[in-house]
Amino acid sequence: MKFVFMLKFKSFCVFLVLLFVFLFMPSCSDNGAARYISEKDTMYSADIRSVSEKINKSPNNAELYYKRANTFYFESNLKQAILDIDYAISLDSINPLYEFKRAEFLISGDTANSKEAIKSFKKSLRLKPNYVEAMLAYGKLLIARQSYEEAEKIYFNCNKIDPSNPATYFYLGLMAKEMKDTTKALALFEKTLVYDGNYYDAIMQLGDYYAFKNDAKASVFYDRAMAINPYSEEPLYAKGFYLQKNNQYKDAAGIYEQVAKMNPGHILCRYNLAYINAFFKNYKIASDILDETLELDKTNADAYALRGLMKEKLNNHTGAMMDYQNALQLDKNQKAAEEGLKRLKYSISF
């Protein structure tokens, strides 16, 4: 009896162990893929299902997990992208591309993990010391963290490997700009264009510099940027603002109307268009544009203050007072609203 009891007890123990494994170990498919996604699961896109079908037939193929990670990334599913790239690395730990991509995924989105990204960038560069693309991306992260000295070393090294790469000069220029060395920054942005005359970001930097200096060259650079990227409102708006600052109001208004068509949600464009209409005493048009501006952004103190002035000009003193009060509630230092309220209270008292 004792022997039988022992056998039963051992069988029960084995059963418990198996039950624990079944319940608590990571689930795998019948084909052994740890990152299994059914090719029939319509929760996922057709592209994900297509790669998953290949993975399920070849579950130890690191390249397939990398491809699916990229697909998840372009679909803005960062969590799944990182899980897939991590699994690709577990299958092939000496591939510098996988570590580079992992770093890129980690610094994307709202929950960026720069410390982990730095580890992956460093590992990628240990595996492939002349990996220019990884160097450029790692340098950008260091600039964002204001680690300028370390970023500069990386870009100098990158320049030794490929002296004709325009991005190296651009990012060195960006660092010089952030460190207030304008002369050096300009020289580097111009050198960027020597190696790539269509380098959009360098052209925009030069346009912004000349706009700040009220130099007519600004328009030339903004026009170049528009020619390179005709679907972007950025250079168009920048040119409009430059023209507005230089009292070329009608030209600026025409540009702002183009920007508003390209991007109906462009708040600054609408506000500036209202400002120009106010300048030309088109008070009702300006007020209507500011209505649209405040529909897009109800926290815009400047828009409330300017609409208050338009209502004041249109003799809507009650509406003007409400707008001035709203502006001051949002920004107690809003001078235009403060002065508007004083004017209204003074006129009422008489």
Protein backbone atom coordinates (compact mmCIF):
# COMPACT_ATOMS: atom_id res chain seq x y z
CA MET A 1 0.00 0.00 0.00
CA LYS A 2 2.82 2.35 0.91
CA PHE A 3 4.48 1.68 -2.47
CA VAL A 4 1.25 2.38 -4.37
CA PHE A 5 0.73 5.57 -2.36
CA MET A 6 4.24 6.74 -3.24
CA LEU A 7 3.65 6.11 -6.93
CA LYS A 8 0.40 8.09 -6.82
CA PHE A 9 2.08 10.92 -4.93
CA LYS A 10 4.90 11.07 -7.53
CA SER A 11 2.39 11.08 -10.37
CA PHE A 12 0.51 13.92 -8.68
CA CYS A 13 3.77 15.92 -8.36
CA VAL A 14 4.56 15.41 -12.02
CA PHE A 15 1.03 16.55 -12.85
CA LEU A 16 1.50 19.72 -10.79
CA VAL A 17 4.81 20.51 -12.51
CA LEU A 18 3.26 20.05 -15.94
CA LEU A 19 0.28 22.18 -14.94
CA PHE A 20 2.62 24.97 -13.75
CA VAL A 21 4.55 24.85 -17.03
CA PHE A 22 1.34 24.97 -19.04
CA LEU A 23 -0.11 27.89 -17.10
CA PHE A 24 2.93 30.07 -16.52
CA MET A 25 5.43 29.46 -19.32
CA PRO A 26 5.17 31.76 -22.38
CA SER A 27 2.73 30.39 -24.89
CA CYS A 28 4.16 28.97 -28.12
CA SER A 29 2.51 27.74 -31.23
CA ASP A 30 2.63 24.14 -32.31
CA ASN A 31 5.46 25.06 -34.67
CA GLY A 32 7.54 26.46 -31.77
CA ALA A 33 7.51 30.18 -32.65
CA ALA A 34 7.78 32.24 -29.46
CA ARG A 35 6.37 35.30 -31.25
CA TYR A 36 3.49 33.50 -32.89
CA ILE A 37 0.78 35.45 -34.70
CA SER A 38 -1.74 33.54 -36.74
CA GLU A 39 -1.84 34.45 -40.42
CA LYS A 40 -5.64 34.26 -40.06
CA ASP A 41 -5.89 36.73 -37.18
CA THR A 42 -7.78 39.71 -38.64
CA MET A 43 -6.83 41.83 -35.64
CA TYR A 44 -3.65 42.48 -37.62
CA SER A 45 -3.15 44.10 -41.02
CA ALA A 46 -2.73 42.11 -44.23
CA ASP A 47 0.99 42.97 -44.24
CA ILE A 48 1.50 41.65 -40.70
CA ARG A 49 -0.42 38.48 -41.50
CA SER A 50 1.63 37.96 -44.66
CA VAL A 51 4.96 38.11 -42.78
CA SER A 52 3.51 36.05 -39.93
CA GLU A 53 2.65 33.25 -42.35
CA LYS A 54 6.30 33.09 -43.39
CA ILE A 55 7.45 33.20 -39.75
CA ASN A 56 5.13 30.34 -38.82
CA LYS A 57 6.74 28.22 -41.52
CA SER A 58 10.25 29.28 -40.51
CA PRO A 59 10.12 30.28 -36.80
CA ASN A 60 13.90 30.57 -36.35
CA ASN A 61 14.46 33.04 -39.19
CA ALA A 62 15.63 36.27 -37.53
CA GLU A 63 15.27 38.28 -40.74
CA LEU A 64 11.53 37.60 -40.84
CA TYR A 65 11.05 38.93 -37.30
CA TYR A 66 13.05 42.00 -38.30
CA LYS A 67 10.77 42.52 -41.30
CA ARG A 68 7.66 42.18 -39.17
CA ALA A 69 9.14 44.55 -36.57
CA ASN A 70 9.58 47.15 -39.32
CA THR A 71 6.01 46.61 -40.47
CA PHE A 72 4.70 47.09 -36.93
CA TYR A 73 6.85 50.24 -36.64
CA PHE A 74 5.39 51.77 -39.81
CA GLU A 75 1.94 50.92 -38.49
CA SER A 76 2.82 52.85 -35.27
CA ASN A 77 2.59 49.71 -33.13
CA LEU A 78 5.84 50.29 -31.24
CA LYS A 79 5.20 47.72 -28.52
CA GLN A 80 4.93 44.86 -31.00
CA ALA A 81 7.80 46.26 -33.09
CA ILE A 82 10.14 46.17 -30.09
CA LEU A 83 9.00 42.65 -29.11
CA ASP A 84 9.76 41.42 -32.63
CA ILE A 85 13.14 43.14 -32.93
CA ASP A 86 14.11 41.79 -29.51
CA TYR A 87 13.25 38.30 -30.68
CA ALA A 88 15.24 38.80 -33.88
CA ILE A 89 18.23 39.80 -31.73
CA SER A 90 17.77 36.70 -29.54
CA LEU A 91 18.12 34.62 -32.72
CA ASP A 92 20.98 36.66 -34.22
CA SER A 93 22.81 38.70 -31.59
CA ILE A 94 25.65 39.86 -33.86
CA ASN A 95 23.61 41.70 -36.48
CA PRO A 96 24.33 45.46 -36.14
CA LEU A 97 21.21 46.38 -38.14
CA TYR A 98 18.91 44.81 -35.55
CA GLU A 99 20.49 46.75 -32.69
CA PHE A 100 20.33 49.97 -34.74
CA LYS A 101 16.64 49.43 -35.50
CA ARG A 102 15.94 48.59 -31.85
CA ALA A 103 17.48 51.93 -30.89
CA GLU A 104 15.33 53.74 -33.46
CA PHE A 105 12.17 52.06 -32.17
CA LEU A 106 13.04 52.89 -28.56
CA ILE A 107 13.39 56.63 -29.23
CA SER A 108 10.10 56.77 -31.14
CA GLY A 109 6.73 57.64 -29.69
CA ASP A 110 5.64 59.18 -26.41
CA THR A 111 7.39 56.67 -24.18
CA ALA A 112 10.91 57.07 -25.57
CA ASN A 113 13.58 55.12 -23.69
CA SER A 114 16.79 56.96 -24.53
CA LYS A 115 18.98 55.04 -22.06
CA GLU A 116 18.11 51.70 -23.63
CA ALA A 117 18.43 53.24 -27.09
CA ILE A 118 21.96 54.42 -26.29
CA LYS A 119 22.90 50.86 -25.27
CA SER A 120 21.63 49.54 -28.61
CA PHE A 121 23.38 52.28 -30.60
CA LYS A 122 26.65 51.49 -28.83
CA LYS A 123 26.28 47.76 -29.40
CA SER A 124 25.46 48.35 -33.07
CA LEU A 125 28.64 50.41 -33.45
CA ARG A 126 30.74 47.83 -31.62
CA LEU A 127 29.51 45.22 -34.09
CA LYS A 128 30.09 47.56 -37.05
CA PRO A 129 32.39 50.50 -36.20
CA ASN A 130 31.98 52.18 -39.62
CA TYR A 131 28.15 52.11 -39.52
CA VAL A 132 27.50 55.67 -40.73
CA GLU A 133 23.69 55.51 -40.56
CA ALA A 134 23.81 54.40 -36.91
CA MET A 135 26.38 57.12 -36.13
CA LEU A 136 24.15 59.84 -37.58
CA ALA A 137 21.09 58.64 -35.66
CA TYR A 138 23.05 58.22 -32.41
CA GLY A 139 24.49 61.71 -32.82
CA LYS A 140 20.99 63.17 -33.21
CA LEU A 141 19.94 61.55 -29.94
CA LEU A 142 23.00 62.99 -28.19
CA ILE A 143 22.21 66.46 -29.56
CA ALA A 144 18.67 66.14 -28.20
CA ARG A 145 20.20 65.27 -24.81
CA GLN A 146 22.62 68.24 -25.19
CA SER A 147 25.61 65.88 -25.00
CA TYR A 148 27.40 68.02 -27.56
CA GLU A 149 30.97 66.92 -26.89
CA GLU A 150 30.14 63.24 -27.33
CA ALA A 151 28.01 63.97 -30.42
CA GLU A 152 30.82 66.00 -31.96
CA LYS A 153 33.24 63.08 -31.57
CA ILE A 154 30.79 60.78 -33.34
CA TYR A 155 30.28 63.22 -36.23
CA PHE A 156 34.03 63.81 -36.63
CA ASN A 157 34.50 60.05 -36.81
CA CYS A 158 31.64 59.82 -39.29
CA ASN A 159 33.28 62.54 -41.40
CA LYS A 160 36.54 60.56 -41.52
CA ILE A 161 34.67 57.53 -42.86
CA ASP A 162 32.66 59.50 -45.42
CA PRO A 163 33.81 63.14 -45.92
CA SER A 164 31.16 63.73 -48.60
CA ASN A 165 28.18 62.92 -46.37
CA PRO A 166 26.16 66.18 -46.09
CA ALA A 167 24.32 65.10 -42.93
CA THR A 168 27.55 65.23 -40.91
CA TYR A 169 28.06 68.92 -41.74
CA PHE A 170 24.41 69.68 -41.10
CA TYR A 171 24.34 68.21 -37.59
CA LEU A 172 27.67 69.81 -36.69
CA GLY A 173 26.09 73.07 -37.86
CA LEU A 174 23.02 72.44 -35.73
CA MET A 175 25.23 71.94 -32.68
CA ALA A 176 27.16 75.13 -33.45
CA LYS A 177 23.85 76.98 -33.68
CA GLU A 178 22.66 75.61 -30.34
CA MET A 179 25.97 76.64 -28.78
CA LYS A 180 25.43 80.19 -30.18
CA ASP A 181 28.33 80.02 -32.65
CA THR A 182 26.38 81.54 -35.56
CA THR A 183 29.36 82.06 -37.88
CA LYS A 184 30.42 78.43 -37.59
CA ALA A 185 26.83 77.22 -37.96
CA LEU A 186 26.32 79.20 -41.19
CA ALA A 187 29.59 77.91 -42.66
CA LEU A 188 28.56 74.32 -41.90
CA PHE A 189 25.04 74.72 -43.32
CA GLU A 190 26.55 76.18 -46.49
CA LYS A 191 29.04 73.31 -46.66
CA THR A 192 26.11 70.89 -46.36
CA LEU A 193 24.73 72.39 -49.57
CA VAL A 194 28.10 71.96 -51.32
CA TYR A 195 27.63 68.18 -50.99
CA ASP A 196 23.86 68.20 -51.47
CA GLY A 197 22.28 71.31 -52.97
CA ASN A 198 18.80 70.00 -52.13
CA TYR A 199 19.39 69.34 -48.43
CA TYR A 200 16.03 70.69 -47.22
CA ASP A 201 16.83 71.20 -43.52
CA ALA A 202 20.03 73.16 -44.26
CA ILE A 203 18.14 75.38 -46.70
CA MET A 204 15.45 76.06 -44.07
CA GLN A 205 18.09 76.87 -41.45
CA LEU A 206 19.68 79.43 -43.78
CA GLY A 207 16.26 80.84 -44.67
CA ASP A 208 15.42 81.28 -40.98
CA TYR A 209 18.76 82.95 -40.29
CA TYR A 210 18.34 85.51 -43.09
CA ALA A 211 14.70 86.08 -42.09
CA PHE A 212 15.86 86.87 -38.55
CA LYS A 213 18.35 89.35 -40.05
CA ASN A 214 15.61 90.85 -42.28
CA ASP A 215 17.73 89.96 -45.29
CA ALA A 216 16.00 89.42 -48.65
CA LYS A 217 18.01 86.20 -49.08
CA ALA A 218 15.41 84.61 -46.78
CA SER A 219 12.83 84.54 -49.59
CA VAL A 220 15.35 82.95 -51.95
CA PHE A 221 16.04 80.09 -49.50
CA TYR A 222 12.34 79.60 -48.69
CA ASP A 223 11.58 79.40 -52.43
CA ARG A 224 14.30 76.76 -52.80
CA ALA A 225 12.79 74.79 -49.92
CA MET A 226 9.32 75.01 -51.52
CA ALA A 227 10.70 73.73 -54.82
CA ILE A 228 12.17 70.70 -53.01
CA ASN A 229 9.08 70.02 -50.88
CA PRO A 230 6.05 71.63 -52.56
CA TYR A 231 3.58 69.81 -50.27
CA SER A 232 5.01 71.22 -47.03
CA GLU A 233 3.47 74.32 -45.47
CA GLU A 234 6.63 74.98 -43.42
CA PRO A 235 8.63 77.06 -45.95
CA LEU A 236 5.45 78.70 -47.25
CA TYR A 237 4.41 79.86 -43.77
CA ALA A 238 7.98 80.95 -42.97
CA LYS A 239 8.06 83.10 -46.12
CA GLY A 240 4.67 84.60 -45.26
CA PHE A 241 5.85 85.51 -41.77
CA TYR A 242 9.05 87.04 -43.16
CA LEU A 243 7.01 89.19 -45.57
CA GLN A 244 4.63 90.21 -42.77
CA LYS A 245 7.55 91.30 -40.57
CA ASN A 246 8.75 93.43 -43.47
CA ASN A 247 5.33 95.09 -43.91
CA GLN A 248 4.54 93.27 -47.15
CA TYR A 249 1.10 92.49 -45.79
CA LYS A 250 -0.82 91.73 -48.97
CA ASP A 251 1.80 89.26 -50.20
CA ALA A 252 1.92 87.68 -46.76
CA ALA A 253 -1.90 87.37 -46.63
CA GLY A 254 -1.92 85.62 -50.02
CA ILE A 255 0.62 83.11 -48.75
CA TYR A 256 -1.29 82.53 -45.49
CA GLU A 257 -4.41 81.73 -47.50
CA GLN A 258 -2.43 79.05 -49.37
CA VAL A 259 -1.16 77.64 -46.07
CA ALA A 260 -4.71 77.55 -44.67
CA LYS A 261 -5.81 75.46 -47.68
CA MET A 262 -2.88 73.07 -47.22
CA ASN A 263 -3.38 72.79 -43.47
CA PRO A 264 -6.77 74.01 -42.15
CA GLY A 265 -5.53 73.43 -38.59
CA HIS A 266 -2.57 75.83 -38.85
CA ILE A 267 -3.36 78.16 -35.92
CA LEU A 268 -0.54 80.69 -36.34
CA CYS A 269 -1.39 81.09 -40.01
CA ARG A 270 -5.02 81.92 -39.17
CA TYR A 271 -4.04 84.29 -36.37
CA ASN A 272 -1.62 86.19 -38.63
CA LEU A 273 -4.20 86.36 -41.41
CA ALA A 274 -6.64 87.89 -38.90
CA TYR A 275 -3.95 90.33 -37.78
CA ILE A 276 -3.37 91.52 -41.37
CA ASN A 277 -7.10 91.96 -41.96
CA ALA A 278 -7.26 93.97 -38.74
CA PHE A 279 -4.41 96.14 -40.01
CA PHE A 280 -6.45 96.88 -43.16
CA LYS A 281 -9.55 97.59 -40.97
CA ASN A 282 -11.39 94.49 -42.20
CA TYR A 283 -12.67 93.99 -38.65
CA LYS A 284 -15.54 91.62 -39.43
CA ILE A 285 -13.36 89.36 -41.60
CA ALA A 286 -10.65 89.36 -38.91
CA SER A 287 -13.22 88.51 -36.22
CA ASP A 288 -14.58 85.59 -38.28
CA ILE A 289 -11.06 84.22 -38.82
CA LEU A 290 -10.40 84.49 -35.08
CA ASP A 291 -13.62 82.54 -34.42
CA GLU A 292 -12.08 79.70 -36.46
CA THR A 293 -8.74 80.12 -34.67
CA LEU A 294 -10.38 79.77 -31.25
CA GLU A 295 -12.38 76.75 -32.37
CA LEU A 296 -9.02 75.11 -33.04
CA ASP A 297 -7.35 76.38 -29.87
CA LYS A 298 -9.50 77.65 -27.00
CA THR A 299 -6.40 78.44 -24.92
CA ASN A 300 -4.99 81.07 -27.30
CA ALA A 301 -4.87 84.26 -25.22
CA ASP A 302 -3.57 86.37 -28.13
CA ALA A 303 -6.51 85.33 -30.31
CA TYR A 304 -9.00 86.30 -27.58
CA ALA A 305 -7.28 89.67 -27.14
CA LEU A 306 -7.28 90.41 -30.87
CA ARG A 307 -10.91 89.30 -31.27
CA GLY A 308 -11.77 91.52 -28.32
CA LEU A 309 -10.23 94.47 -30.19
CA MET A 310 -12.17 93.58 -33.35
CA LYS A 311 -15.43 93.45 -31.38
CA GLU A 312 -14.55 96.75 -29.74
CA LYS A 313 -14.02 98.30 -33.20
CA LEU A 314 -17.40 96.87 -34.26
CA ASN A 315 -19.00 98.45 -31.14
CA ASN A 316 -19.75 95.08 -29.55
CA HIS A 317 -18.47 96.19 -26.15
CA THR A 318 -20.01 93.31 -24.18
CA GLY A 319 -18.40 90.73 -26.47
CA ALA A 320 -15.11 92.65 -26.41
CA MET A 321 -15.08 92.73 -22.61
CA MET A 322 -15.71 88.97 -22.42
CA ASP A 323 -12.85 88.28 -24.85
CA TYR A 324 -10.45 90.55 -22.96
CA GLN A 325 -11.37 88.81 -19.69
CA ASN A 326 -10.85 85.38 -21.27
CA ALA A 327 -7.45 86.49 -22.57
CA LEU A 328 -6.36 87.67 -19.10
CA GLN A 329 -7.69 84.50 -17.49
CA LEU A 330 -5.41 82.51 -19.80
CA ASP A 331 -2.48 84.93 -19.54
CA LYS A 332 -2.48 87.55 -16.78
CA ASN A 333 0.34 89.39 -18.60
CA GLN A 334 -1.69 89.89 -21.80
CA LYS A 335 -1.08 93.64 -22.24
CA ALA A 336 -3.44 94.20 -25.19
CA ALA A 337 -6.37 92.68 -23.25
CA GLU A 338 -5.48 94.65 -20.12
CA GLU A 339 -5.40 97.93 -22.07
CA GLY A 340 -8.66 97.00 -23.86
CA LEU A 341 -10.47 96.48 -20.56
CA LYS A 342 -9.20 99.83 -19.27
CA ARG A 343 -10.50 101.56 -22.40
CA LEU A 344 -13.92 99.94 -22.10
CA LYS A 345 -14.25 100.66 -18.38
CA TYR A 346 -13.21 104.27 -18.99
CA SER A 347 -15.76 104.71 -21.82
CA ILE A 348 -18.53 103.12 -19.71
CA SER A 349 -17.77 105.37 -16.73
CA PHE A 350 -18.44 108.39 -18.97
